[in-house]
């Protein structure tokens, strides 16, 4: 999906991963708008 591109999940806690994914979703939504 390209989510792994530029984001290294190793060493991150689950909340940090979830926040990073949430930020990606928001960024993607704003780009499509």
PDB file of N, CA and C in Angstrom:
ATOM      1  N   UNK A   1       0.823  -1.208   0.000  1.00  0.00           N
ATOM      2  CA  UNK A   1       0.000   0.000   0.000  1.00  0.00           C
ATOM      3  C   UNK A   1       0.859   1.259   0.000  1.00  0.00           C
ATOM      4  N   UNK A   2       2.126   1.141   0.347  1.00  0.00           N
ATOM      5  CA  UNK A   2       2.990   2.311   0.368  1.00  0.00           C
ATOM      6  C   UNK A   2       3.080   2.950   1.736  1.00  0.00           C
ATOM      7  N   UNK A   3       2.315   2.390   2.694  1.00  0.00           N
ATOM      8  CA  UNK A   3       2.340   2.958   4.045  1.00  0.00           C
ATOM      9  C   UNK A   3       3.710   2.757   4.667  1.00  0.00           C
ATOM     10  N   UNK A   4       4.324   1.603   4.372  1.00  0.00           N
ATOM     11  CA  UNK A   4       5.624   1.302   4.951  1.00  0.00           C
ATOM     12  C   UNK A   4       6.715   2.225   4.414  1.00  0.00           C
ATOM     13  N   UNK A   5       6.448   2.869   3.298  1.00  0.00           N
ATOM     14  CA  UNK A   5       7.438   3.748   2.676  1.00  0.00           C
ATOM     15  C   UNK A   5       7.693   4.964   3.556  1.00  0.00           C
ATOM     16  N   UNK A   6       8.922   5.105   4.031  1.00  0.00           N
ATOM     17  CA  UNK A   6       9.279   6.274   4.827  1.00  0.00           C
ATOM     18  C   UNK A   6       8.896   6.139   6.288  1.00  0.00           C
ATOM     19  N   UNK A   7       8.286   5.024   6.664  1.00  0.00           N
ATOM     20  CA  UNK A   7       7.907   4.843   8.067  1.00  0.00           C
ATOM     21  C   UNK A   7       8.438   3.507   8.548  1.00  0.00           C
ATOM     22  N   UNK A   8       9.240   3.537   9.609  1.00  0.00           N
ATOM     23  CA  UNK A   8       9.786   2.299  10.144  1.00  0.00           C
ATOM     24  C   UNK A   8       9.032   1.952  11.408  1.00  0.00           C
ATOM     25  N   UNK A   9       8.303   0.838  11.371  1.00  0.00           N
ATOM     26  CA  UNK A   9       7.480   0.455  12.511  1.00  0.00           C
ATOM     27  C   UNK A   9       8.300  -0.228  13.598  1.00  0.00           C
ATOM     28  N   UNK A  10       9.503  -0.695  13.263  1.00  0.00           N
ATOM     29  CA  UNK A  10      10.315  -1.361  14.272  1.00  0.00           C
ATOM     30  C   UNK A  10      10.669  -0.390  15.383  1.00  0.00           C
ATOM     31  N   UNK A  11      10.480  -0.807  16.627  1.00  0.00           N
ATOM     32  CA  UNK A  11      10.875   0.020  17.752  1.00  0.00           C
ATOM     33  C   UNK A  11       9.814   1.013  18.177  1.00  0.00           C
ATOM     34  N   UNK A  12       8.735   1.127  17.418  1.00  0.00           N
ATOM     35  CA  UNK A  12       7.672   2.042  17.818  1.00  0.00           C
ATOM     36  C   UNK A  12       6.650   1.304  18.666  1.00  0.00           C
ATOM     37  N   UNK A  13       6.052   2.024  19.597  1.00  0.00           N
ATOM     38  CA  UNK A  13       4.980   1.427  20.387  1.00  0.00           C
ATOM     39  C   UNK A  13       3.699   1.470  19.574  1.00  0.00           C
ATOM     40  N   UNK A  14       2.728   0.655  19.954  1.00  0.00           N
ATOM     41  CA  UNK A  14       1.487   0.600  19.173  1.00  0.00           C
ATOM     42  C   UNK A  14       0.804   1.961  19.070  1.00  0.00           C
ATOM     43  N   UNK A  15       0.689   2.730  20.164  1.00  0.00           N
ATOM     44  CA  UNK A  15       0.064   4.060  20.055  1.00  0.00           C
ATOM     45  C   UNK A  15       0.783   4.950  19.043  1.00  0.00           C
ATOM     46  N   UNK A  16       2.102   4.865  18.990  1.00  0.00           N
ATOM     47  CA  UNK A  16       2.851   5.685  18.033  1.00  0.00           C
ATOM     48  C   UNK A  16       2.539   5.262  16.605  1.00  0.00           C
ATOM     49  N   UNK A  17       2.413   3.941  16.407  1.00  0.00           N
ATOM     50  CA  UNK A  17       2.083   3.420  15.077  1.00  0.00           C
ATOM     51  C   UNK A  17       0.697   3.877  14.671  1.00  0.00           C
ATOM     52  N   UNK A  18      -0.255   3.770  15.596  1.00  0.00           N
ATOM     53  CA  UNK A  18      -1.631   4.159  15.297  1.00  0.00           C
ATOM     54  C   UNK A  18      -1.704   5.641  14.967  1.00  0.00           C
ATOM     55  N   UNK A  19      -0.940   6.455  15.717  1.00  0.00           N
ATOM     56  CA  UNK A  19      -0.962   7.895  15.461  1.00  0.00           C
ATOM     57  C   UNK A  19      -0.350   8.198  14.091  1.00  0.00           C
ATOM     58  N   UNK A  20       0.721   7.504  13.750  1.00  0.00           N
ATOM     59  CA  UNK A  20       1.360   7.715  12.452  1.00  0.00           C
ATOM     60  C   UNK A  20       0.405   7.349  11.322  1.00  0.00           C
ATOM     61  N   UNK A  21      -0.303   6.237  11.485  1.00  0.00           N
ATOM     62  CA  UNK A  21      -1.261   5.820  10.459  1.00  0.00           C
ATOM     63  C   UNK A  21      -2.391   6.826  10.354  1.00  0.00           C
ATOM     64  N   UNK A  22      -2.839   7.323  11.506  1.00  0.00           N
ATOM     65  CA  UNK A  22      -3.935   8.300  11.516  1.00  0.00           C
ATOM     66  C   UNK A  22      -3.506   9.572  10.785  1.00  0.00           C
ATOM     67  N   UNK A  23      -2.265  10.002  11.039  1.00  0.00           N
ATOM     68  CA  UNK A  23      -1.754  11.200  10.371  1.00  0.00           C
ATOM     69  C   UNK A  23      -1.675  10.976   8.859  1.00  0.00           C
ATOM     70  N   UNK A  24      -1.280   9.752   8.455  1.00  0.00           N
ATOM     71  CA  UNK A  24      -1.200   9.446   7.028  1.00  0.00           C
ATOM     72  C   UNK A  24      -2.569   9.508   6.384  1.00  0.00           C
ATOM     73  N   UNK A  25      -3.564   8.984   7.077  1.00  0.00           N
ATOM     74  CA  UNK A  25      -4.930   8.988   6.546  1.00  0.00           C
ATOM     75  C   UNK A  25      -5.415  10.421   6.374  1.00  0.00           C
ATOM     76  N   UNK A  26      -5.149  11.262   7.380  1.00  0.00           N
ATOM     77  CA  UNK A  26      -5.572  12.665   7.306  1.00  0.00           C
ATOM     78  C   UNK A  26      -4.858  13.374   6.153  1.00  0.00           C
ATOM     79  N   UNK A  27      -3.571  13.096   5.993  1.00  0.00           N
ATOM     80  CA  UNK A  27      -2.803  13.723   4.918  1.00  0.00           C
ATOM     81  C   UNK A  27      -3.343  13.280   3.563  1.00  0.00           C
ATOM     82  N   UNK A  28      -3.651  11.990   3.442  1.00  0.00           N
ATOM     83  CA  UNK A  28      -4.187  11.479   2.185  1.00  0.00           C
ATOM     84  C   UNK A  28      -5.537  12.089   1.881  1.00  0.00           C
ATOM     85  N   UNK A  29      -6.376  12.241   2.897  1.00  0.00           N
ATOM     86  CA  UNK A  29      -7.708  12.810   2.699  1.00  0.00           C
ATOM     87  C   UNK A  29      -7.595  14.263   2.251  1.00  0.00           C
ATOM     88  N   UNK A  30      -6.665  15.003   2.842  1.00  0.00           N
ATOM     89  CA  UNK A  30      -6.522  16.414   2.487  1.00  0.00           C
ATOM     90  C   UNK A  30      -5.971  16.557   1.064  1.00  0.00           C
ATOM     91  N   UNK A  31      -5.159  15.594   0.637  1.00  0.00           N
ATOM     92  CA  UNK A  31      -4.619  15.650  -0.722  1.00  0.00           C
ATOM     93  C   UNK A  31      -5.706  15.385  -1.752  1.00  0.00           C
ATOM     94  N   UNK A  32      -6.636  14.490  -1.405  1.00  0.00           N
ATOM     95  CA  UNK A  32      -7.703  14.144  -2.350  1.00  0.00           C
ATOM     96  C   UNK A  32      -8.774  15.220  -2.405  1.00  0.00           C
ATOM     97  N   UNK A  33      -8.919  15.978  -1.309  1.00  0.00           N
ATOM     98  CA  UNK A  33      -9.993  16.979  -1.243  1.00  0.00           C
ATOM     99  C   UNK A  33      -9.746  18.094  -2.262  1.00  0.00           C
TER     100      UNK A  33
END
